[in-house]
Amino acid sequence: MILPIPAIDVMGGQCVRLEKGDYTRLTVYGDSPVEMARKWEGKGAPMLHVVDLDGAKRGLPVNFPLVIKILETIRIPVQVGGGIRDLTTFSRYLEAGVTRIILGSVAIKNPVLLEQFLSIAPEKITVSIDSLNGKVALEGWTENIPLSASDLAKSMKQMGIQHFIYTDIARDGTLQGIDIERITAFLAETGVNIMVAGGISTLSDIQNLKSVRQGIEGVILGKSLYSGVLQYETVQKILQEV
């Protein structure tokens, strides 16, 4: 079954959403990420996707204490990203009980460090692949490199990465819907397992993702939930139906 995973993006101690990763295009949806986490757990979420946006911008775990508070408050699994760029931070999150640690640009730019992470807990690592027109974007989507998302996924799979997040940058935070053809092509080319993020905004999007029988572990839901475009219970019901 595909897991419906609410996203909690933390910036300045608040729950926010960005449009296309732009820090100037920010909407605040709540003052307490901890209470938001409790809310999604109460609705039956099987997992949470938490991103420290301050950490991602500064390269440090800025909101580490807040993430720890979330982990202490709820019982469901949590995957965390943002500012995890050294062995100490990686280890601290593991010790805190994070289920999966999300790596972005560092996984590509620092292969030696990635190997160290893999030697410690390969099953805990998720590599986030941010794709713009099929090409990889790094550093908060500000740096484009001449590498296809598919080629990156295949190389990471060979290194031992088991989990991936696939984000369509052009659609993230826009409520424009998903590009199911691009997603299915990516899966066919790579053979990896992914969580899909970016643009999911209609029940048709959910049904289309559900129709992909292999390769999709979860859907990460952000703005569509916070803006009320999608109701979590409805998404959950569709994904649970046989």
C-alpha atoms as a PDB file:
ATOM      1  CA  MET A   1       0.000   0.000   0.000  1.00  0.00           C
ATOM      2  CA  ILE A   2       1.124   3.555  -0.749  1.00  0.00           C
ATOM      3  CA  LEU A   3       1.541   5.548   2.465  1.00  0.00           C
ATOM      4  CA  PRO A   4      -0.052   9.014   2.717  1.00  0.00           C
ATOM      5  CA  ILE A   5       2.614  11.070   4.505  1.00  0.00           C
ATOM      6  CA  PRO A   6       1.916  14.599   5.786  1.00  0.00           C
ATOM      7  CA  ALA A   7       4.799  17.055   5.521  1.00  0.00           C
ATOM      8  CA  ILE A   8       5.816  19.464   8.250  1.00  0.00           C
ATOM      9  CA  ASP A   9       8.234  22.126   7.041  1.00  0.00           C
ATOM     10  CA  VAL A  10       9.767  24.054   9.929  1.00  0.00           C
ATOM     11  CA  MET A  11      11.092  27.592   9.639  1.00  0.00           C
ATOM     12  CA  GLY A  12      11.476  30.108  12.444  1.00  0.00           C
ATOM     13  CA  GLY A  13       9.754  27.646  14.765  1.00  0.00           C
ATOM     14  CA  GLN A  14       6.596  27.659  12.623  1.00  0.00           C
ATOM     15  CA  CYS A  15       4.896  25.304  10.154  1.00  0.00           C
ATOM     16  CA  VAL A  16       5.321  26.774   6.691  1.00  0.00           C
ATOM     17  CA  ARG A  17       5.155  25.878   3.018  1.00  0.00           C
ATOM     18  CA  LEU A  18       7.321  27.273   0.275  1.00  0.00           C
ATOM     19  CA  GLU A  19       6.433  27.524  -3.394  1.00  0.00           C
ATOM     20  CA  LYS A  20       9.057  25.869  -5.627  1.00  0.00           C
ATOM     21  CA  GLY A  21      11.509  26.019  -2.724  1.00  0.00           C
ATOM     22  CA  ASP A  22      11.544  29.826  -2.757  1.00  0.00           C
ATOM     23  CA  TYR A  23      12.117  31.185   0.766  1.00  0.00           C
ATOM     24  CA  THR A  24      10.506  34.490  -0.230  1.00  0.00           C
ATOM     25  CA  ARG A  25       7.273  32.742  -1.260  1.00  0.00           C
ATOM     26  CA  LEU A  26       6.316  31.460   2.147  1.00  0.00           C
ATOM     27  CA  THR A  27       2.968  30.727   3.780  1.00  0.00           C
ATOM     28  CA  VAL A  28       2.651  30.085   7.514  1.00  0.00           C
ATOM     29  CA  TYR A  29       0.177  27.349   8.463  1.00  0.00           C
ATOM     30  CA  GLY A  30       0.747  27.021  12.187  1.00  0.00           C
ATOM     31  CA  ASP A  31       2.785  28.228  15.163  1.00  0.00           C
ATOM     32  CA  SER A  32       3.493  24.791  16.626  1.00  0.00           C
ATOM     33  CA  PRO A  33       5.099  22.003  14.586  1.00  0.00           C
ATOM     34  CA  VAL A  34       4.707  19.744  17.637  1.00  0.00           C
ATOM     35  CA  GLU A  35       0.941  20.260  17.732  1.00  0.00           C
ATOM     36  CA  MET A  36       0.789  19.761  13.965  1.00  0.00           C
ATOM     37  CA  ALA A  37       2.602  16.457  14.345  1.00  0.00           C
ATOM     38  CA  ARG A  38       0.137  15.424  17.030  1.00  0.00           C
ATOM     39  CA  LYS A  39      -2.737  16.387  14.719  1.00  0.00           C
ATOM     40  CA  TRP A  40      -1.529  14.201  11.841  1.00  0.00           C
ATOM     41  CA  GLU A  41      -0.860  11.284  14.160  1.00  0.00           C
ATOM     42  CA  GLY A  42      -4.402  11.668  15.449  1.00  0.00           C
ATOM     43  CA  LYS A  43      -5.731  11.432  11.902  1.00  0.00           C
ATOM     44  CA  GLY A  44      -3.984   8.107  11.441  1.00  0.00           C
ATOM     45  CA  ALA A  45      -0.896   9.159   9.508  1.00  0.00           C
ATOM     46  CA  PRO A  46       1.525   6.207   9.284  1.00  0.00           C
ATOM     47  CA  MET A  47       4.587   8.462   9.069  1.00  0.00           C
ATOM     48  CA  LEU A  48       5.632  12.125   9.053  1.00  0.00           C
ATOM     49  CA  HIS A  49       7.978  13.992   6.727  1.00  0.00           C
ATOM     50  CA  VAL A  50       9.740  16.773   8.656  1.00  0.00           C
ATOM     51  CA  VAL A  51      12.089  19.264   7.010  1.00  0.00           C
ATOM     52  CA  ASP A  52      14.207  21.816   8.856  1.00  0.00           C
ATOM     53  CA  LEU A  53      14.137  24.611   6.270  1.00  0.00           C
ATOM     54  CA  ASP A  54      16.392  26.839   8.374  1.00  0.00           C
ATOM     55  CA  GLY A  55      18.823  23.944   8.573  1.00  0.00           C
ATOM     56  CA  ALA A  56      18.676  23.324   4.846  1.00  0.00           C
ATOM     57  CA  LYS A  57      19.511  26.964   4.202  1.00  0.00           C
ATOM     58  CA  ARG A  58      22.367  27.200   6.722  1.00  0.00           C
ATOM     59  CA  GLY A  59      23.743  23.670   6.474  1.00  0.00           C
ATOM     60  CA  LEU A  60      23.256  23.088  10.205  1.00  0.00           C
ATOM     61  CA  PRO A  61      20.522  21.343  12.266  1.00  0.00           C
ATOM     62  CA  VAL A  62      18.993  24.660  13.370  1.00  0.00           C
ATOM     63  CA  ASN A  63      15.685  23.162  14.540  1.00  0.00           C
ATOM     64  CA  PHE A  64      17.146  19.998  16.071  1.00  0.00           C
ATOM     65  CA  PRO A  65      15.571  20.626  19.524  1.00  0.00           C
ATOM     66  CA  LEU A  66      12.160  21.103  17.902  1.00  0.00           C
ATOM     67  CA  VAL A  67      12.496  17.891  15.894  1.00  0.00           C
ATOM     68  CA  ILE A  68      13.442  16.056  19.092  1.00  0.00           C
ATOM     69  CA  LYS A  69      10.302  17.431  20.741  1.00  0.00           C
ATOM     70  CA  ILE A  70       8.229  16.038  17.861  1.00  0.00           C
ATOM     71  CA  LEU A  71       9.896  12.637  18.252  1.00  0.00           C
ATOM     72  CA  GLU A  72       9.170  12.678  21.989  1.00  0.00           C
ATOM     73  CA  THR A  73       5.531  13.657  21.460  1.00  0.00           C
ATOM     74  CA  ILE A  74       4.361  11.167  18.843  1.00  0.00           C
ATOM     75  CA  ARG A  75       4.841   7.438  18.326  1.00  0.00           C
ATOM     76  CA  ILE A  76       4.680   7.098  14.539  1.00  0.00           C
ATOM     77  CA  PRO A  77       7.838   6.989  12.381  1.00  0.00           C
ATOM     78  CA  VAL A  78       9.420  10.276  11.330  1.00  0.00           C
ATOM     79  CA  GLN A  79      11.784  10.995   8.455  1.00  0.00           C
ATOM     80  CA  VAL A  80      13.834  14.170   8.778  1.00  0.00           C
ATOM     81  CA  GLY A  81      15.800  16.333   6.377  1.00  0.00           C
ATOM     82  CA  GLY A  82      17.501  19.713   6.357  1.00  0.00           C
ATOM     83  CA  GLY A  83      21.018  20.596   7.453  1.00  0.00           C
ATOM     84  CA  ILE A  84      22.332  17.043   7.799  1.00  0.00           C
ATOM     85  CA  ARG A  85      25.803  17.492   6.363  1.00  0.00           C
ATOM     86  CA  ASP A  86      28.197  15.860   8.803  1.00  0.00           C
ATOM     87  CA  LEU A  87      28.644  12.633  10.727  1.00  0.00           C
ATOM     88  CA  THR A  88      27.822  14.207  14.087  1.00  0.00           C
ATOM     89  CA  THR A  89      24.405  15.462  12.962  1.00  0.00           C
ATOM     90  CA  PHE A  90      23.646  12.168  11.240  1.00  0.00           C
ATOM     91  CA  SER A  91      24.503  10.230  14.395  1.00  0.00           C
ATOM     92  CA  ARG A  92      22.539  12.555  16.672  1.00  0.00           C
ATOM     93  CA  TYR A  93      19.395  12.055  14.622  1.00  0.00           C
ATOM     94  CA  LEU A  94      19.875   8.289  14.619  1.00  0.00           C
ATOM     95  CA  GLU A  95      20.303   8.290  18.394  1.00  0.00           C
ATOM     96  CA  ALA A  96      17.154  10.411  18.725  1.00  0.00           C
ATOM     97  CA  GLY A  97      15.122   7.727  16.992  1.00  0.00           C
ATOM     98  CA  VAL A  98      14.556   9.138  13.509  1.00  0.00           C
ATOM     99  CA  THR A  99      13.270   6.410  11.185  1.00  0.00           C
ATOM    100  CA  ARG A 100      14.856   7.787   8.031  1.00  0.00           C
ATOM    101  CA  ILE A 101      17.343  10.573   7.397  1.00  0.00           C
ATOM    102  CA  ILE A 102      16.852  12.565   4.207  1.00  0.00           C
ATOM    103  CA  LEU A 103      19.943  13.631   2.292  1.00  0.00           C
ATOM    104  CA  GLY A 104      19.908  16.058  -0.605  1.00  0.00           C
ATOM    105  CA  SER A 105      22.845  17.885  -2.149  1.00  0.00           C
ATOM    106  CA  VAL A 106      25.362  16.379   0.282  1.00  0.00           C
ATOM    107  CA  ALA A 107      24.719  12.900  -1.121  1.00  0.00           C
ATOM    108  CA  ILE A 108      25.928  14.072  -4.516  1.00  0.00           C
ATOM    109  CA  LYS A 109      28.613  16.562  -3.544  1.00  0.00           C
ATOM    110  CA  ASN A 110      30.272  14.550  -0.780  1.00  0.00           C
ATOM    111  CA  PRO A 111      30.470  10.867  -1.793  1.00  0.00           C
ATOM    112  CA  VAL A 112      33.040  10.145   0.938  1.00  0.00           C
ATOM    113  CA  LEU A 113      30.623  11.313   3.619  1.00  0.00           C
ATOM    114  CA  LEU A 114      27.793   9.369   1.988  1.00  0.00           C
ATOM    115  CA  GLU A 115      29.906   6.219   2.180  1.00  0.00           C
ATOM    116  CA  GLN A 116      30.407   6.871   5.895  1.00  0.00           C
ATOM    117  CA  PHE A 117      26.657   7.243   6.388  1.00  0.00           C
ATOM    118  CA  LEU A 118      26.073   4.020   4.447  1.00  0.00           C
ATOM    119  CA  SER A 119      28.589   2.156   6.602  1.00  0.00           C
ATOM    120  CA  ILE A 120      26.585   3.108   9.701  1.00  0.00           C
ATOM    121  CA  ALA A 121      22.926   2.744   8.720  1.00  0.00           C
ATOM    122  CA  PRO A 122      22.189   2.145   5.020  1.00  0.00           C
ATOM    123  CA  GLU A 123      18.560   1.254   5.686  1.00  0.00           C
ATOM    124  CA  LYS A 124      17.988   4.618   7.402  1.00  0.00           C
ATOM    125  CA  ILE A 125      19.023   6.790   4.459  1.00  0.00           C
ATOM    126  CA  THR A 126      16.656   8.398   1.966  1.00  0.00           C
ATOM    127  CA  VAL A 127      18.135  10.374  -0.923  1.00  0.00           C
ATOM    128  CA  SER A 128      15.976  13.226  -2.132  1.00  0.00           C
ATOM    129  CA  ILE A 129      16.133  13.700  -5.891  1.00  0.00           C
ATOM    130  CA  ASP A 130      14.867  17.091  -6.972  1.00  0.00           C
ATOM    131  CA  SER A 131      14.091  17.113 -10.670  1.00  0.00           C
ATOM    132  CA  LEU A 132      13.507  20.037 -13.006  1.00  0.00           C
ATOM    133  CA  ASN A 133      12.552  18.892 -16.491  1.00  0.00           C
ATOM    134  CA  GLY A 134      14.273  15.582 -15.808  1.00  0.00           C
ATOM    135  CA  LYS A 135      17.543  17.153 -14.612  1.00  0.00           C
ATOM    136  CA  VAL A 136      18.891  17.296 -11.060  1.00  0.00           C
ATOM    137  CA  ALA A 137      18.803  20.536  -9.061  1.00  0.00           C
ATOM    138  CA  LEU A 138      20.897  21.089  -5.926  1.00  0.00           C
ATOM    139  CA  GLU A 139      21.305  23.496  -3.015  1.00  0.00           C
ATOM    140  CA  GLY A 140      17.669  24.331  -2.456  1.00  0.00           C
ATOM    141  CA  TRP A 141      17.009  24.107  -6.191  1.00  0.00           C
ATOM    142  CA  THR A 142      19.309  27.041  -6.949  1.00  0.00           C
ATOM    143  CA  GLU A 143      21.968  25.005  -8.759  1.00  0.00           C
ATOM    144  CA  ASN A 144      21.250  22.904 -11.831  1.00  0.00           C
ATOM    145  CA  ILE A 145      23.706  20.228 -12.929  1.00  0.00           C
ATOM    146  CA  PRO A 146      23.930  18.316 -16.237  1.00  0.00           C
ATOM    147  CA  LEU A 147      22.840  15.026 -14.693  1.00  0.00           C
ATOM    148  CA  SER A 148      19.519  13.337 -15.232  1.00  0.00           C
ATOM    149  CA  ALA A 149      17.396  12.379 -12.263  1.00  0.00           C
ATOM    150  CA  SER A 150      17.310   8.806 -13.553  1.00  0.00           C
ATOM    151  CA  ASP A 151      21.087   8.506 -13.829  1.00  0.00           C
ATOM    152  CA  LEU A 152      21.498   9.877 -10.312  1.00  0.00           C
ATOM    153  CA  ALA A 153      19.017   7.367  -8.911  1.00  0.00           C
ATOM    154  CA  LYS A 154      20.745   4.469 -10.645  1.00  0.00           C
ATOM    155  CA  SER A 155      24.165   5.477  -9.341  1.00  0.00           C
ATOM    156  CA  MET A 156      22.836   5.917  -5.813  1.00  0.00           C
ATOM    157  CA  LYS A 157      21.119   2.536  -5.994  1.00  0.00           C
ATOM    158  CA  GLN A 158      24.450   0.946  -6.934  1.00  0.00           C
ATOM    159  CA  MET A 159      26.012   2.563  -3.859  1.00  0.00           C
ATOM    160  CA  GLY A 160      23.415   0.916  -1.645  1.00  0.00           C
ATOM    161  CA  ILE A 161      20.681   3.539  -1.267  1.00  0.00           C
ATOM    162  CA  GLN A 162      17.330   1.810  -0.783  1.00  0.00           C
ATOM    163  CA  HIS A 163      14.914   4.731  -0.444  1.00  0.00           C
ATOM    164  CA  PHE A 164      14.325   7.844  -2.531  1.00  0.00           C
ATOM    165  CA  ILE A 165      12.109  10.906  -2.611  1.00  0.00           C
ATOM    166  CA  TYR A 166      11.286  12.175  -6.095  1.00  0.00           C
ATOM    167  CA  THR A 167      10.221  15.824  -6.241  1.00  0.00           C
ATOM    168  CA  ASP A 168       9.090  17.588  -9.383  1.00  0.00           C
ATOM    169  CA  ILE A 169      10.379  21.089  -8.672  1.00  0.00           C
ATOM    170  CA  ALA A 170       8.268  22.791 -11.324  1.00  0.00           C
ATOM    171  CA  ARG A 171       5.128  21.651  -9.512  1.00  0.00           C
ATOM    172  CA  ASP A 172       6.129  21.760  -5.855  1.00  0.00           C
ATOM    173  CA  GLY A 173       3.848  23.986  -3.795  1.00  0.00           C
ATOM    174  CA  THR A 174       1.865  25.030  -6.867  1.00  0.00           C
ATOM    175  CA  LEU A 175      -1.130  22.660  -6.667  1.00  0.00           C
ATOM    176  CA  GLN A 176      -0.772  22.109 -10.412  1.00  0.00           C
ATOM    177  CA  GLY A 177      -1.051  18.327 -10.261  1.00  0.00           C
ATOM    178  CA  ILE A 178       1.540  15.663 -10.962  1.00  0.00           C
ATOM    179  CA  ASP A 179       3.254  14.629 -14.174  1.00  0.00           C
ATOM    180  CA  ILE A 180       2.398  10.932 -14.013  1.00  0.00           C
ATOM    181  CA  GLU A 181       4.131  10.180 -17.316  1.00  0.00           C
ATOM    182  CA  ARG A 182       7.436  11.556 -16.059  1.00  0.00           C
ATOM    183  CA  ILE A 183       7.089   9.667 -12.775  1.00  0.00           C
ATOM    184  CA  THR A 184       6.338   6.332 -14.451  1.00  0.00           C
ATOM    185  CA  ALA A 185       9.205   6.855 -16.897  1.00  0.00           C
ATOM    186  CA  PHE A 186      11.566   7.561 -13.999  1.00  0.00           C
ATOM    187  CA  LEU A 187      10.471   4.351 -12.250  1.00  0.00           C
ATOM    188  CA  ALA A 188      10.836   2.295 -15.423  1.00  0.00           C
ATOM    189  CA  GLU A 189      14.339   3.645 -16.057  1.00  0.00           C
ATOM    190  CA  THR A 190      15.641   3.219 -12.516  1.00  0.00           C
ATOM    191  CA  GLY A 191      13.821   0.359 -10.797  1.00  0.00           C
ATOM    192  CA  VAL A 192      14.027   2.200  -7.466  1.00  0.00           C
ATOM    193  CA  ASN A 193      11.399   2.743  -4.778  1.00  0.00           C
ATOM    194  CA  ILE A 194      10.257   6.323  -4.276  1.00  0.00           C
ATOM    195  CA  MET A 195       8.086   8.629  -2.270  1.00  0.00           C
ATOM    196  CA  VAL A 196       6.502  11.175  -4.596  1.00  0.00           C
ATOM    197  CA  ALA A 197       6.389  14.873  -3.714  1.00  0.00           C
ATOM    198  CA  GLY A 198       5.475  18.017  -5.561  1.00  0.00           C
ATOM    199  CA  GLY A 199       2.206  19.190  -7.032  1.00  0.00           C
ATOM    200  CA  ILE A 200      -0.122  16.514  -5.647  1.00  0.00           C
ATOM    201  CA  SER A 201      -3.423  18.372  -5.472  1.00  0.00           C
ATOM    202  CA  THR A 202      -6.377  16.311  -6.702  1.00  0.00           C
ATOM    203  CA  LEU A 203      -7.962  12.952  -6.020  1.00  0.00           C
ATOM    204  CA  SER A 204      -7.119  12.113  -9.628  1.00  0.00           C
ATOM    205  CA  ASP A 205      -3.443  12.568  -8.751  1.00  0.00           C
ATOM    206  CA  ILE A 206      -3.899  10.103  -5.894  1.00  0.00           C
ATOM    207  CA  GLN A 207      -5.715   7.615  -8.118  1.00  0.00           C
ATOM    208  CA  ASN A 208      -3.055   7.913 -10.827  1.00  0.00           C
ATOM    209  CA  LEU A 209      -0.268   7.262  -8.337  1.00  0.00           C
ATOM    210  CA  LYS A 210      -2.200   4.342  -6.885  1.00  0.00           C
ATOM    211  CA  SER A 211      -2.519   2.856 -10.370  1.00  0.00           C
ATOM    212  CA  VAL A 212       1.280   2.589 -10.542  1.00  0.00           C
ATOM    213  CA  ARG A 213       1.518  -0.863  -9.031  1.00  0.00           C
ATOM    214  CA  GLN A 214       5.223  -0.964  -8.272  1.00  0.00           C
ATOM    215  CA  GLY A 215       7.854   1.461  -7.067  1.00  0.00           C
ATOM    216  CA  ILE A 216       5.838   4.031  -5.102  1.00  0.00           C
ATOM    217  CA  GLU A 217       6.176   3.692  -1.329  1.00  0.00           C
ATOM    218  CA  GLY A 218       4.395   6.871  -0.354  1.00  0.00           C
ATOM    219  CA  VAL A 219       3.032  10.265  -1.300  1.00  0.00           C
ATOM    220  CA  ILE A 220       4.235  13.314   0.609  1.00  0.00           C
ATOM    221  CA  LEU A 221       1.423  15.801   1.057  1.00  0.00           C
ATOM    222  CA  GLY A 222       2.074  19.419   1.927  1.00  0.00           C
ATOM    223  CA  LYS A 223       0.248  22.448   0.589  1.00  0.00           C
ATOM    224  CA  SER A 224      -2.700  20.377  -0.640  1.00  0.00           C
ATOM    225  CA  LEU A 225      -3.478  19.389   2.953  1.00  0.00           C
ATOM    226  CA  TYR A 226      -2.747  22.721   4.583  1.00  0.00           C
ATOM    227  CA  SER A 227      -4.779  24.709   2.084  1.00  0.00           C
ATOM    228  CA  GLY A 228      -7.704  22.289   2.352  1.00  0.00           C
ATOM    229  CA  VAL A 229      -7.601  21.262  -1.301  1.00  0.00           C
ATOM    230  CA  LEU A 230      -7.315  17.639  -0.170  1.00  0.00           C
ATOM    231  CA  GLN A 231      -8.707  16.052   2.957  1.00  0.00           C
ATOM    232  CA  TYR A 232      -6.325  13.621   4.609  1.00  0.00           C
ATOM    233  CA  GLU A 233      -9.029  11.104   5.481  1.00  0.00           C
ATOM    234  CA  THR A 234     -10.190  10.948   1.860  1.00  0.00           C
ATOM    235  CA  VAL A 235      -6.673  10.396   0.537  1.00  0.00           C
ATOM    236  CA  GLN A 236      -6.070   7.717   3.136  1.00  0.00           C
ATOM    237  CA  LYS A 237      -9.303   5.928   2.246  1.00  0.00           C
ATOM    238  CA  ILE A 238      -8.458   5.851  -1.476  1.00  0.00           C
ATOM    239  CA  LEU A 239      -4.975   4.496  -0.874  1.00  0.00           C
ATOM    240  CA  GLN A 240      -6.221   1.831   1.541  1.00  0.00           C
ATOM    241  CA  GLU A 241      -8.898   0.511  -0.819  1.00  0.00           C
ATOM    242  CA  VAL A 242      -7.930  -2.711  -2.577  1.00  0.00           C
END
